[in-house]
Amino acid sequence: MKRLQLEDISKQLGYSKTLISMVLNGKGNQYGISKKTQEAVLKAVAELDYTPNKFARALRTGKSFFVGLIVADISNPFYSTIAKNIEAVLFEQGYNLMVCSTGENEEHEKRLVEMMVNQQGVDGLIVASTFKNADFYTNSRYANTPFVFIDRVLPLFNANYVVIDNYGGSIEIVNHLIKQNCKTVACFSITPSYISTIEDRINGYKDAIIKNKLKVDESLIKQIRFDTIQKDVEQSLNELLKSTTAIDAIYCLNNNITTALLIALRKKEFEKLASKIKIASFDDIDLFNIIDRKIISVSQPIEDIGKNSSLLILDVINGKQTNKSNVVLSTKLIER
């Protein structure tokens, strides 16, 4: 069966292809096409079951109307919620979203960028990068690709960013723990530790301890590997149990570590520690509102990250944003 073409619609209705295209693209009012004519076109198109050819649209506009989103772990509620908010904004503007995870692997990220730009032909990319430096993104082959980076900052790289105040949020939560008479606070970090998000949170943790005239104990900063979180959390708890230092609180640098910690503390061997410590988490998730344990947390403005990054990438794609934009959003302490 022959595919229905715009030309066929034009002949049947007696209107030009240009007029029909304007109506289908929602620009009837902009070009002064009467409501009656617009309704007639839309009714006829619906009856004829015509679907505009997206490839033809891409050829005509030079755009694919797809934006790529590359994050570390789409199963993390933080990133999945960001993706949901980005998709909502893009959909309103006629764009579609493609989402991929890197698993905190630089080579995987490299392949995903190359695939999305060279094979899928996305109009722009929003990236939470796992790279240690910006060498890959300064490559001339990507010079004309619109990028917006979220959550993380690549050092010495002038780019469009939408991030949060990780340092300030970390200071606030550690200050709160110390005011609650927690003098010895362990810190469960995540790899790779060179990522700006983690560096800023660790620096905030250390500076808050120093500003409160306490001593930073490096042995209390535990590195939790991204791919073995549960195992490493339990190993770190065992190390704390064997230590002569009495722990008042454990501060987790992301929600996955906090969840793993809550699971571990239910085990019999950690009951003694569980009854004595407070738990703090950078990032807040719904789970913390329904469990009996009171988790002190830093809430990130996830909706704002999604909204700001999607509007910014659209502005870059459409040439409305020529200067680099750095958006830094504030966090909120949830005491419970």
Protein backbone atom coordinates (compact mmCIF):
# COMPACT_ATOMS: atom_id res chain seq x y z
CA MET A 1 0.00 0.00 0.00
CA LYS A 2 1.34 3.40 -1.00
CA ARG A 3 2.29 5.69 1.90
CA LEU A 4 0.12 8.79 2.05
CA GLN A 5 2.16 11.89 1.14
CA LEU A 6 1.66 15.53 2.06
CA GLU A 7 1.05 16.20 -1.64
CA ASP A 8 -1.94 13.80 -1.58
CA ILE A 9 -3.45 15.71 1.35
CA SER A 10 -2.91 18.98 -0.50
CA LYS A 11 -4.74 17.77 -3.62
CA GLN A 12 -7.66 16.41 -1.65
CA LEU A 13 -8.17 19.51 0.50
CA GLY A 14 -7.26 22.14 -2.07
CA TYR A 15 -4.76 23.78 0.30
CA SER A 16 -1.05 24.23 -0.34
CA LYS A 17 1.49 21.85 1.21
CA THR A 18 3.04 24.82 3.01
CA LEU A 19 -0.25 25.76 4.68
CA ILE A 20 -0.92 22.17 5.73
CA SER A 21 2.61 21.85 7.10
CA MET A 22 2.20 25.06 9.13
CA VAL A 23 -1.00 23.74 10.70
CA LEU A 24 0.53 20.33 11.50
CA ASN A 25 3.53 22.00 13.13
CA GLY A 26 1.27 24.14 15.33
CA LYS A 27 2.13 27.41 13.57
CA GLY A 28 -1.31 28.21 12.16
CA ASN A 29 -1.96 31.12 14.51
CA GLN A 30 1.55 32.48 14.00
CA TYR A 31 0.99 32.73 10.24
CA GLY A 32 -2.59 34.04 10.44
CA ILE A 33 -4.36 30.89 9.26
CA SER A 34 -8.01 31.01 10.33
CA LYS A 35 -9.35 28.69 13.02
CA LYS A 36 -11.86 27.29 10.56
CA THR A 37 -9.14 26.34 8.07
CA GLN A 38 -6.95 24.84 10.80
CA GLU A 39 -9.84 22.72 12.07
CA ALA A 40 -10.63 21.54 8.53
CA VAL A 41 -7.02 20.51 7.94
CA LEU A 42 -6.70 18.67 11.26
CA LYS A 43 -10.03 16.88 10.77
CA ALA A 44 -9.12 15.75 7.24
CA VAL A 45 -5.66 14.62 8.31
CA ALA A 46 -7.15 12.58 11.16
CA GLU A 47 -9.67 10.93 8.84
CA LEU A 48 -6.97 10.11 6.30
CA ASP A 49 -4.69 8.71 9.04
CA TYR A 50 -1.72 10.76 7.82
CA THR A 51 1.51 10.67 9.85
CA PRO A 52 4.17 13.28 9.01
CA ASN A 53 7.49 11.80 7.95
CA LYS A 54 10.02 12.60 10.68
CA PHE A 55 12.94 11.96 8.35
CA ALA A 56 11.56 14.50 5.91
CA ARG A 57 11.21 16.93 8.79
CA ALA A 58 14.84 16.33 9.75
CA LEU A 59 16.01 16.95 6.21
CA ARG A 60 13.95 20.13 5.99
CA THR A 61 15.07 21.60 9.35
CA GLY A 62 18.55 20.08 9.70
CA LYS A 63 17.55 18.69 13.11
CA SER A 64 16.78 15.21 14.42
CA PHE A 65 14.70 16.57 17.34
CA PHE A 66 16.46 14.11 19.66
CA VAL A 67 18.54 15.03 22.72
CA GLY A 68 20.84 12.51 24.43
CA LEU A 69 21.19 12.15 28.20
CA ILE A 70 24.22 10.27 29.54
CA VAL A 71 24.39 9.57 33.29
CA ALA A 72 26.35 7.26 35.59
CA ASP A 73 23.44 5.06 36.67
CA ILE A 74 19.88 5.49 35.42
CA SER A 75 18.62 3.10 38.13
CA ASN A 76 19.62 5.67 40.76
CA PRO A 77 16.46 7.63 41.72
CA PHE A 78 18.47 10.85 41.49
CA TYR A 79 19.25 10.37 37.80
CA SER A 80 15.95 8.74 36.84
CA THR A 81 14.03 11.68 38.31
CA ILE A 82 16.26 14.15 36.46
CA ALA A 83 15.61 12.21 33.24
CA LYS A 84 11.86 12.35 33.82
CA ASN A 85 11.94 16.13 34.27
CA ILE A 86 14.18 16.66 31.24
CA GLU A 87 11.90 14.52 29.10
CA ALA A 88 8.82 16.51 30.16
CA VAL A 89 10.36 19.84 29.10
CA LEU A 90 11.74 18.47 25.82
CA PHE A 91 8.43 16.83 24.90
CA GLU A 92 6.63 20.17 25.19
CA GLN A 93 9.10 21.59 22.65
CA GLY A 94 8.72 18.73 20.19
CA TYR A 95 11.93 16.92 21.16
CA ASN A 96 12.54 13.32 22.21
CA LEU A 97 15.02 12.03 24.79
CA MET A 98 17.50 9.15 24.54
CA VAL A 99 18.97 7.97 27.87
CA CYS A 100 22.09 5.85 28.51
CA SER A 101 24.20 4.86 31.56
CA THR A 102 27.99 4.72 31.74
CA GLY A 103 28.41 2.69 34.92
CA GLU A 104 31.12 5.23 35.85
CA ASN A 105 33.26 3.84 33.00
CA GLU A 106 35.18 6.36 30.87
CA GLU A 107 35.45 4.09 27.82
CA HIS A 108 31.73 3.36 27.95
CA GLU A 109 30.99 7.09 28.12
CA LYS A 110 33.24 7.71 25.13
CA ARG A 111 31.44 5.08 23.05
CA LEU A 112 28.03 6.44 24.04
CA VAL A 113 28.93 9.99 23.01
CA GLU A 114 30.30 8.80 19.68
CA MET A 115 27.23 6.65 19.08
CA MET A 116 24.74 9.39 19.89
CA VAL A 117 26.53 12.08 17.88
CA ASN A 118 27.73 10.08 14.89
CA GLN A 119 25.12 7.33 14.53
CA GLN A 120 21.96 8.69 16.12
CA GLY A 121 22.61 12.29 15.12
CA VAL A 122 21.24 13.86 18.30
CA ASP A 123 20.91 17.65 18.27
CA GLY A 124 22.60 17.99 21.65
CA LEU A 125 23.81 16.11 24.72
CA ILE A 126 23.23 16.48 28.46
CA VAL A 127 25.99 14.64 30.33
CA ALA A 128 26.90 13.71 33.91
CA SER A 129 30.46 12.88 32.97
CA THR A 130 32.70 10.34 34.65
CA PHE A 131 35.85 11.64 32.94
CA LYS A 132 38.77 12.85 35.03
CA ASN A 133 39.52 15.73 32.64
CA ALA A 134 37.99 17.42 29.58
CA ASP A 135 40.40 16.12 26.92
CA PHE A 136 37.75 13.98 25.23
CA TYR A 137 35.22 16.83 25.02
CA THR A 138 37.70 19.38 23.70
CA ASN A 139 38.32 17.15 20.69
CA SER A 140 37.66 19.20 17.54
CA ARG A 141 35.25 16.59 16.17
CA TYR A 142 32.75 17.62 18.87
CA ALA A 143 33.39 21.35 18.66
CA ASN A 144 30.01 22.01 17.03
CA THR A 145 27.98 19.64 19.21
CA PRO A 146 25.82 21.40 21.83
CA PHE A 147 26.66 20.10 25.33
CA VAL A 148 25.27 20.79 28.81
CA PHE A 149 26.96 19.10 31.76
CA ILE A 150 24.98 18.30 34.88
CA ASP A 151 25.84 17.25 38.44
CA ARG A 152 29.61 17.25 37.81
CA VAL A 153 32.20 19.80 36.70
CA LEU A 154 35.19 18.84 34.55
CA PRO A 155 38.29 20.75 35.77
CA LEU A 156 39.54 23.72 33.74
CA PHE A 157 36.82 23.28 31.13
CA ASN A 158 34.70 26.23 30.01
CA ALA A 159 31.33 24.66 29.32
CA ASN A 160 27.60 24.91 30.08
CA TYR A 161 26.91 23.50 33.55
CA VAL A 162 23.90 22.92 35.78
CA VAL A 163 25.16 21.74 39.16
CA ILE A 164 24.37 22.06 42.85
CA ASP A 165 26.34 23.47 45.76
CA ASN A 166 27.84 20.17 46.93
CA TYR A 167 30.41 21.85 49.16
CA GLY A 168 27.89 24.06 50.95
CA GLY A 169 25.38 21.24 51.36
CA SER A 170 28.05 19.00 52.86
CA ILE A 171 29.15 21.66 55.36
CA GLU A 172 25.52 22.21 56.41
CA ILE A 173 24.79 18.55 57.12
CA VAL A 174 28.03 17.95 59.05
CA ASN A 175 27.48 21.13 61.06
CA HIS A 176 24.04 19.82 61.96
CA LEU A 177 25.46 16.47 63.11
CA ILE A 178 28.03 18.21 65.30
CA LYS A 179 25.31 20.40 66.86
CA GLN A 180 23.50 17.14 67.66
CA ASN A 181 26.56 16.25 69.77
CA CYS A 182 28.13 13.97 67.13
CA LYS A 183 31.84 14.60 67.67
CA THR A 184 33.14 11.65 65.63
CA VAL A 185 31.59 11.42 62.16
CA ALA A 186 32.66 8.71 59.72
CA CYS A 187 32.32 9.42 56.01
CA PHE A 188 31.36 6.77 53.44
CA SER A 189 32.48 8.07 50.04
CA ILE A 190 32.03 6.57 46.55
CA THR A 191 34.37 5.89 43.65
CA PRO A 192 35.63 7.39 41.45
CA SER A 193 36.64 9.87 44.15
CA TYR A 194 38.09 12.40 41.66
CA ILE A 195 34.60 13.39 40.43
CA SER A 196 33.94 17.01 41.39
CA THR A 197 30.69 16.12 43.18
CA ILE A 198 32.49 13.76 45.55
CA GLU A 199 35.55 16.00 45.98
CA ASP A 200 33.34 18.94 46.98
CA ARG A 201 31.37 16.83 49.46
CA ILE A 202 34.52 15.44 51.07
CA ASN A 203 36.05 18.93 51.28
CA GLY A 204 32.85 20.21 52.88
CA TYR A 205 32.93 17.33 55.38
CA LYS A 206 36.54 18.06 56.33
CA ASP A 207 36.15 21.84 56.53
CA ALA A 208 33.03 21.57 58.71
CA ILE A 209 34.95 19.37 61.17
CA ILE A 210 37.90 21.79 61.23
CA LYS A 211 35.68 24.86 61.62
CA ASN A 212 34.06 23.20 64.63
CA LYS A 213 37.55 22.81 66.15
CA LEU A 214 37.57 19.03 65.82
CA LYS A 215 40.18 16.81 64.20
CA VAL A 216 39.84 15.16 60.80
CA ASP A 217 40.61 11.43 61.05
CA GLU A 218 41.46 10.09 57.57
CA SER A 219 40.86 6.51 58.76
CA LEU A 220 37.17 7.38 59.15
CA ILE A 221 36.83 8.24 55.43
CA LYS A 222 35.90 4.97 53.73
CA GLN A 223 36.04 4.49 49.95
CA ILE A 224 33.02 2.52 48.67
CA ARG A 225 33.43 1.16 45.15
CA PHE A 226 30.62 1.92 42.71
CA ASP A 227 30.25 -1.69 41.58
CA THR A 228 30.49 -3.38 45.03
CA ILE A 229 28.60 -0.96 47.28
CA GLN A 230 26.93 -3.45 49.64
CA LYS A 231 30.08 -5.49 50.15
CA ASP A 232 32.26 -2.44 50.79
CA VAL A 233 29.77 -0.84 53.18
CA GLU A 234 29.74 -3.99 55.33
CA GLN A 235 33.53 -4.23 55.23
CA SER A 236 33.77 -0.57 56.34
CA LEU A 237 31.36 -1.23 59.21
CA ASN A 238 33.53 -4.14 60.35
CA GLU A 239 36.56 -1.83 60.31
CA LEU A 240 34.69 0.72 62.43
CA LEU A 241 33.71 -1.98 64.93
CA LYS A 242 37.35 -3.01 65.32
CA SER A 243 38.50 0.58 65.73
CA THR A 244 39.17 2.00 69.20
CA THR A 245 37.41 5.22 68.12
CA ALA A 246 33.75 5.42 69.14
CA ILE A 247 31.61 6.55 66.18
CA ASP A 248 28.69 8.94 66.71
CA ALA A 249 27.45 9.20 63.10
CA ILE A 250 28.00 7.96 59.56
CA TYR A 251 27.68 10.45 56.74
CA CYS A 252 27.00 8.81 53.34
CA LEU A 253 27.90 10.79 50.22
CA ASN A 254 25.07 9.43 48.07
CA ASN A 255 21.72 7.68 48.46
CA ASN A 256 22.90 4.28 47.18
CA ILE A 257 25.45 4.08 49.98
CA THR A 258 22.82 5.13 52.53
CA THR A 259 20.45 2.41 51.33
CA ALA A 260 23.23 -0.19 51.53
CA LEU A 261 24.08 1.03 55.04
CA LEU A 262 20.46 0.67 56.19
CA ILE A 263 20.39 -2.89 54.86
CA ALA A 264 23.68 -3.75 56.56
CA LEU A 265 22.66 -2.33 59.95
CA ARG A 266 19.78 -4.81 60.08
CA LYS A 267 22.30 -7.66 60.39
CA LYS A 268 22.97 -9.09 63.83
CA GLU A 269 26.71 -8.36 63.80
CA PHE A 270 26.04 -4.62 63.42
CA GLU A 271 23.18 -4.29 65.95
CA LYS A 272 25.38 -2.68 68.58
CA LEU A 273 26.64 -0.02 66.19
CA ALA A 274 23.18 0.56 64.71
CA SER A 275 21.72 1.48 68.09
CA LYS A 276 24.34 4.16 68.80
CA ILE A 277 24.86 6.10 65.57
CA LYS A 278 23.02 8.74 63.62
CA ILE A 279 22.85 8.42 59.82
CA ALA A 280 23.17 11.30 57.38
CA SER A 281 22.81 11.18 53.62
CA PHE A 282 23.71 13.55 50.82
CA ASP A 283 20.57 13.32 48.68
CA ASP A 284 17.09 12.52 49.85
CA ILE A 285 14.87 9.70 48.55
CA ASP A 286 11.27 8.63 49.28
CA LEU A 287 12.48 5.63 51.27
CA PHE A 288 13.67 7.93 54.06
CA ASN A 289 10.08 9.10 54.65
CA ILE A 290 8.63 5.64 55.27
CA ILE A 291 11.26 3.84 57.37
CA ASP A 292 11.33 4.02 61.17
CA ARG A 293 14.92 5.22 61.29
CA LYS A 294 15.26 9.00 61.08
CA ILE A 295 17.71 9.91 58.32
CA ILE A 296 19.18 13.41 58.24
CA SER A 297 19.60 14.35 54.58
CA VAL A 298 20.48 16.99 52.05
CA SER A 299 17.81 17.36 49.41
CA GLN A 300 18.91 18.30 45.91
CA PRO A 301 16.61 20.40 43.66
CA ILE A 302 16.20 17.56 41.16
CA GLU A 303 13.31 19.15 39.26
CA ASP A 304 15.31 22.35 38.82
CA ILE A 305 18.33 20.41 37.55
CA GLY A 306 16.13 18.76 34.91
CA LYS A 307 14.30 21.94 33.94
CA ASN A 308 17.38 24.18 33.79
CA SER A 309 19.50 21.71 31.84
CA SER A 310 16.78 20.95 29.26
CA LEU A 311 15.96 24.63 28.66
CA LEU A 312 19.67 25.41 28.40
CA ILE A 313 20.38 22.65 25.86
CA LEU A 314 17.44 23.85 23.74
CA ASP A 315 18.80 27.40 23.82
CA VAL A 316 22.25 26.17 22.76
CA ILE A 317 20.74 24.03 19.96
CA ASN A 318 18.70 26.95 18.67
CA GLY A 319 21.55 29.47 18.88
CA LYS A 320 19.95 31.49 21.68
CA GLN A 321 22.76 30.74 24.16
CA THR A 322 26.17 31.78 22.87
CA ASN A 323 28.03 32.49 26.13
CA LYS A 324 28.74 29.61 28.49
CA SER A 325 26.29 29.38 31.36
CA ASN A 326 27.09 28.03 34.84
CA VAL A 327 24.01 27.42 36.99
CA VAL A 328 24.66 26.51 40.65
CA LEU A 329 21.58 25.45 42.62
CA SER A 330 21.21 25.39 46.41
CA THR A 331 20.44 22.36 48.57
CA LYS A 332 18.05 21.98 51.49
CA LEU A 333 18.73 20.29 54.83
CA ILE A 334 16.02 17.84 55.97
CA GLU A 335 16.38 17.22 59.70
CA ARG A 336 13.60 14.68 60.43
